[in-house]
N, C-alpha and C. Protein backbone atom coordinates (compact mmCIF):
# COMPACT_ATOMS: atom_id res chain seq x y z
N UNK A 1 44.51 113.45 59.26
CA UNK A 1 44.81 114.53 58.33
C UNK A 1 44.79 115.85 59.10
N UNK A 2 45.72 116.73 58.75
CA UNK A 2 45.80 118.06 59.35
C UNK A 2 45.70 119.11 58.25
N UNK A 3 44.92 120.14 58.53
CA UNK A 3 44.75 121.25 57.60
C UNK A 3 45.05 122.54 58.36
N UNK A 4 45.86 123.39 57.78
CA UNK A 4 46.07 124.72 58.34
C UNK A 4 45.17 125.68 57.58
N UNK A 5 44.38 126.44 58.33
CA UNK A 5 43.56 127.49 57.74
C UNK A 5 44.20 128.83 58.11
N UNK A 6 44.38 129.69 57.13
CA UNK A 6 44.96 131.02 57.38
C UNK A 6 44.02 132.08 56.81
N UNK A 7 43.88 133.16 57.55
CA UNK A 7 43.00 134.25 57.14
C UNK A 7 43.77 135.18 56.21
N UNK A 8 43.33 135.24 54.96
CA UNK A 8 44.05 136.04 53.95
C UNK A 8 43.26 137.26 53.50
N UNK A 9 42.21 137.59 54.23
CA UNK A 9 41.32 138.69 53.83
C UNK A 9 42.07 139.99 53.53
N UNK A 10 42.90 140.42 54.47
CA UNK A 10 43.59 141.71 54.29
C UNK A 10 44.55 141.70 53.11
N UNK A 11 45.27 140.60 52.92
CA UNK A 11 46.23 140.53 51.81
C UNK A 11 45.51 140.48 50.46
N UNK A 12 44.36 139.84 50.41
CA UNK A 12 43.58 139.85 49.16
C UNK A 12 43.10 141.27 48.86
N UNK A 13 42.69 142.00 49.90
CA UNK A 13 42.24 143.38 49.72
C UNK A 13 43.37 144.27 49.22
N UNK A 14 44.62 143.91 49.55
CA UNK A 14 45.78 144.67 49.08
C UNK A 14 46.15 144.31 47.64
N UNK A 15 45.47 143.34 47.06
CA UNK A 15 45.73 142.95 45.69
C UNK A 15 46.66 141.77 45.51
N UNK A 16 47.03 141.12 46.59
CA UNK A 16 47.91 139.96 46.52
C UNK A 16 47.13 138.76 45.97
N UNK A 17 47.81 137.88 45.26
CA UNK A 17 47.16 136.66 44.76
C UNK A 17 46.83 135.74 45.93
N UNK A 18 45.89 134.83 45.69
CA UNK A 18 45.48 133.91 46.75
C UNK A 18 46.66 133.06 47.23
N UNK A 19 47.45 132.53 46.30
CA UNK A 19 48.59 131.70 46.71
C UNK A 19 49.63 132.51 47.45
N UNK A 20 49.97 133.69 46.95
CA UNK A 20 50.97 134.52 47.62
C UNK A 20 50.52 134.91 49.03
N UNK A 21 49.24 135.23 49.18
CA UNK A 21 48.71 135.60 50.49
C UNK A 21 48.75 134.42 51.45
N UNK A 22 48.53 133.22 50.94
CA UNK A 22 48.52 132.02 51.78
C UNK A 22 49.94 131.60 52.17
N UNK A 23 50.91 131.83 51.30
CA UNK A 23 52.30 131.42 51.57
C UNK A 23 53.01 132.33 52.55
N UNK A 24 52.59 133.54 52.69
CA UNK A 24 53.35 134.56 53.41
C UNK A 24 53.64 134.19 54.86
N UNK A 25 54.41 134.99 55.53
CA UNK A 25 54.90 134.73 56.89
C UNK A 25 53.78 134.56 57.89
N UNK A 26 53.74 133.39 58.51
CA UNK A 26 52.74 133.07 59.53
C UNK A 26 53.44 132.73 60.83
N UNK A 27 52.81 133.07 61.94
CA UNK A 27 53.39 132.78 63.25
C UNK A 27 53.04 131.34 63.64
N UNK A 28 54.04 130.48 63.55
CA UNK A 28 53.94 129.09 63.96
C UNK A 28 55.30 128.67 64.50
N UNK A 29 55.31 127.66 65.32
CA UNK A 29 56.57 127.07 65.77
C UNK A 29 57.03 126.12 64.66
N UNK A 30 58.13 126.44 64.02
CA UNK A 30 58.63 125.67 62.89
C UNK A 30 58.89 124.22 63.28
N UNK A 31 59.52 123.99 64.42
CA UNK A 31 59.84 122.61 64.83
C UNK A 31 58.58 121.78 65.02
N UNK A 32 57.54 122.37 65.61
CA UNK A 32 56.28 121.64 65.79
C UNK A 32 55.67 121.26 64.45
N UNK A 33 55.70 122.18 63.49
CA UNK A 33 55.14 121.88 62.17
C UNK A 33 55.96 120.79 61.47
N UNK A 34 57.28 120.88 61.57
CA UNK A 34 58.13 119.89 60.89
C UNK A 34 57.99 118.50 61.50
N UNK A 35 57.71 118.43 62.81
CA UNK A 35 57.53 117.13 63.47
C UNK A 35 56.24 116.44 63.05
N UNK A 36 55.25 117.21 62.67
CA UNK A 36 53.96 116.65 62.26
C UNK A 36 53.39 117.54 61.16
N UNK A 37 53.97 117.44 59.98
CA UNK A 37 53.65 118.33 58.87
C UNK A 37 52.20 118.16 58.43
N UNK A 38 51.42 119.24 58.45
CA UNK A 38 50.05 119.17 57.96
C UNK A 38 50.01 118.81 56.47
N UNK A 39 48.87 118.33 56.02
CA UNK A 39 48.72 117.90 54.64
C UNK A 39 48.37 119.05 53.70
N UNK A 40 47.50 119.95 54.19
CA UNK A 40 46.97 120.99 53.33
C UNK A 40 46.96 122.33 54.04
N UNK A 41 46.88 123.41 53.24
CA UNK A 41 46.69 124.76 53.75
C UNK A 41 45.55 125.37 52.94
N UNK A 42 44.60 126.00 53.64
CA UNK A 42 43.53 126.71 52.95
C UNK A 42 43.62 128.19 53.28
N UNK A 43 43.41 129.01 52.27
CA UNK A 43 43.34 130.45 52.46
C UNK A 43 41.89 130.85 52.59
N UNK A 44 41.55 131.55 53.67
CA UNK A 44 40.16 131.87 53.99
C UNK A 44 40.00 133.38 54.09
N UNK A 45 38.90 133.89 53.55
CA UNK A 45 38.54 135.30 53.68
C UNK A 45 37.05 135.39 53.97
N UNK A 46 36.68 136.11 55.00
CA UNK A 46 35.29 136.32 55.38
C UNK A 46 34.54 135.00 55.55
N UNK A 47 35.23 133.99 56.08
CA UNK A 47 34.60 132.71 56.34
C UNK A 47 34.50 131.77 55.16
N UNK A 48 34.99 132.20 53.99
CA UNK A 48 34.92 131.39 52.78
C UNK A 48 36.31 130.98 52.31
N UNK A 49 36.44 129.73 51.90
CA UNK A 49 37.72 129.25 51.39
C UNK A 49 37.96 129.86 50.01
N UNK A 50 39.08 130.53 49.88
CA UNK A 50 39.45 131.17 48.61
C UNK A 50 40.52 130.39 47.87
N UNK A 51 41.29 129.56 48.60
CA UNK A 51 42.34 128.78 47.96
C UNK A 51 42.60 127.49 48.70
N UNK A 52 42.81 126.43 47.93
CA UNK A 52 43.09 125.09 48.46
C UNK A 52 44.48 124.69 47.98
N UNK A 53 45.37 124.37 48.92
CA UNK A 53 46.75 124.08 48.56
C UNK A 53 47.28 122.85 49.29
N UNK A 54 48.10 122.09 48.59
CA UNK A 54 48.85 120.98 49.17
C UNK A 54 50.12 121.58 49.76
N UNK A 55 50.41 121.26 51.02
CA UNK A 55 51.62 121.77 51.67
C UNK A 55 52.79 120.89 51.28
N UNK A 56 53.76 121.46 50.59
CA UNK A 56 54.94 120.73 50.15
C UNK A 56 56.07 120.81 51.17
N UNK A 57 56.26 122.00 51.73
CA UNK A 57 57.29 122.17 52.75
C UNK A 57 57.03 123.44 53.55
N UNK A 58 57.70 123.51 54.70
CA UNK A 58 57.63 124.66 55.59
C UNK A 58 59.05 125.06 55.91
N UNK A 59 59.31 126.35 55.91
CA UNK A 59 60.65 126.83 56.25
C UNK A 59 60.58 128.12 57.03
N UNK A 60 61.70 128.55 57.57
CA UNK A 60 61.72 129.80 58.33
C UNK A 60 61.57 131.00 57.37
N UNK A 61 60.84 131.96 57.80
CA UNK A 61 60.71 133.21 57.05
C UNK A 61 61.83 134.15 57.49
N UNK A 62 61.97 135.27 56.81
CA UNK A 62 63.00 136.23 57.21
C UNK A 62 62.63 136.94 58.50
N UNK A 63 61.33 136.92 58.86
CA UNK A 63 60.90 137.49 60.13
C UNK A 63 61.00 136.43 61.22
N UNK A 64 61.58 136.75 62.36
CA UNK A 64 61.74 135.76 63.43
C UNK A 64 60.40 135.20 63.91
N UNK A 65 60.37 133.90 64.18
CA UNK A 65 59.18 133.27 64.70
C UNK A 65 58.08 133.03 63.68
N UNK A 66 58.38 133.27 62.43
CA UNK A 66 57.38 133.09 61.37
C UNK A 66 57.86 132.05 60.37
N UNK A 67 56.90 131.43 59.72
CA UNK A 67 57.22 130.42 58.72
C UNK A 67 56.62 130.81 57.38
N UNK A 68 57.17 130.20 56.34
CA UNK A 68 56.64 130.39 55.00
C UNK A 68 56.37 129.02 54.41
N UNK A 69 55.28 128.90 53.68
CA UNK A 69 54.86 127.63 53.10
C UNK A 69 55.23 127.55 51.62
N UNK A 70 55.67 126.37 51.20
CA UNK A 70 55.78 126.06 49.78
C UNK A 70 54.55 125.23 49.45
N UNK A 71 53.78 125.69 48.46
CA UNK A 71 52.48 125.11 48.17
C UNK A 71 52.33 124.77 46.69
N UNK A 72 51.38 123.90 46.41
CA UNK A 72 50.88 123.70 45.05
C UNK A 72 49.37 123.68 45.12
N UNK A 73 48.72 124.01 44.03
CA UNK A 73 47.27 123.97 43.99
C UNK A 73 46.78 122.54 44.17
N UNK A 74 45.68 122.39 44.88
CA UNK A 74 45.09 121.06 45.09
C UNK A 74 44.41 120.57 43.82
N UNK A 75 44.35 119.27 43.71
CA UNK A 75 43.60 118.63 42.64
C UNK A 75 42.11 118.68 43.01
N UNK A 76 41.22 118.48 42.04
CA UNK A 76 39.79 118.44 42.38
C UNK A 76 39.46 117.39 43.44
N UNK A 77 40.11 116.24 43.40
CA UNK A 77 39.87 115.19 44.40
C UNK A 77 40.30 115.65 45.79
N UNK A 78 41.43 116.35 45.88
CA UNK A 78 41.90 116.86 47.17
C UNK A 78 40.95 117.93 47.72
N UNK A 79 40.40 118.75 46.84
CA UNK A 79 39.44 119.77 47.27
C UNK A 79 38.20 119.13 47.88
N UNK A 80 37.73 118.04 47.29
CA UNK A 80 36.58 117.32 47.85
C UNK A 80 36.91 116.79 49.25
N UNK A 81 38.10 116.23 49.40
CA UNK A 81 38.53 115.71 50.71
C UNK A 81 38.57 116.84 51.75
N UNK A 82 39.14 117.97 51.37
CA UNK A 82 39.25 119.10 52.29
C UNK A 82 37.86 119.60 52.67
N UNK A 83 37.00 119.78 51.68
CA UNK A 83 35.65 120.28 51.97
C UNK A 83 34.89 119.35 52.91
N UNK A 84 35.08 118.05 52.76
CA UNK A 84 34.44 117.09 53.67
C UNK A 84 35.00 117.24 55.08
N UNK A 85 36.32 117.47 55.18
CA UNK A 85 36.98 117.57 56.48
C UNK A 85 36.61 118.85 57.22
N UNK A 86 36.38 119.93 56.51
CA UNK A 86 36.11 121.22 57.17
C UNK A 86 34.63 121.51 57.34
N UNK A 87 33.79 120.60 56.90
CA UNK A 87 32.34 120.77 57.03
C UNK A 87 31.99 121.03 58.49
N UNK A 88 31.32 122.13 58.76
CA UNK A 88 30.93 122.47 60.12
C UNK A 88 31.96 123.28 60.90
N UNK A 89 33.15 123.48 60.34
CA UNK A 89 34.18 124.30 61.02
C UNK A 89 33.80 125.78 60.92
N UNK A 90 34.02 126.51 62.00
CA UNK A 90 33.83 127.96 61.98
C UNK A 90 35.08 128.58 61.37
N UNK A 91 34.94 129.12 60.18
CA UNK A 91 36.08 129.70 59.47
C UNK A 91 36.03 131.23 59.48
N UNK A 92 35.47 131.78 60.53
CA UNK A 92 35.44 133.24 60.69
C UNK A 92 36.19 133.62 61.96
N UNK A 93 36.71 134.82 61.97
CA UNK A 93 37.31 135.44 63.16
C UNK A 93 38.52 134.68 63.70
N UNK A 94 39.49 134.42 62.86
CA UNK A 94 40.74 133.81 63.30
C UNK A 94 41.86 134.30 62.40
N UNK A 95 43.08 134.13 62.83
CA UNK A 95 44.24 134.45 62.00
C UNK A 95 44.80 133.16 61.43
N UNK A 96 45.12 132.21 62.30
CA UNK A 96 45.55 130.87 61.87
C UNK A 96 44.82 129.84 62.71
N UNK A 97 44.59 128.69 62.11
CA UNK A 97 43.84 127.65 62.80
C UNK A 97 44.31 126.31 62.25
N UNK A 98 44.53 125.34 63.12
CA UNK A 98 44.87 123.98 62.68
C UNK A 98 43.66 123.10 62.90
N UNK A 99 43.24 122.45 61.82
CA UNK A 99 42.08 121.56 61.87
C UNK A 99 42.61 120.13 61.77
N UNK A 100 42.31 119.32 62.76
CA UNK A 100 42.74 117.92 62.77
C UNK A 100 41.52 117.06 62.54
N UNK A 101 41.62 116.19 61.55
CA UNK A 101 40.50 115.31 61.21
C UNK A 101 40.90 113.88 61.44
């Protein structure tokens, strides 16, 4: 299982919703993501998970070299799986992070 963690602290402070902040343009290699699509994306602020999302698809953003995620909210069962997978992960001081379990 692969989980992408993205730091959404600044966008939340600007008043953006958790999902919108998590979907926005992120610097990733689109081809690498499409070859091995992660299962989930979590939005993190100040080391705490603020949003749990199932990754439905990844596409190019209007900004070069950036991607945008199509997401849906996780089910309670998926949230339990994610929390078990990220137990012990340092979720502070990063912009994007891929967690492989």
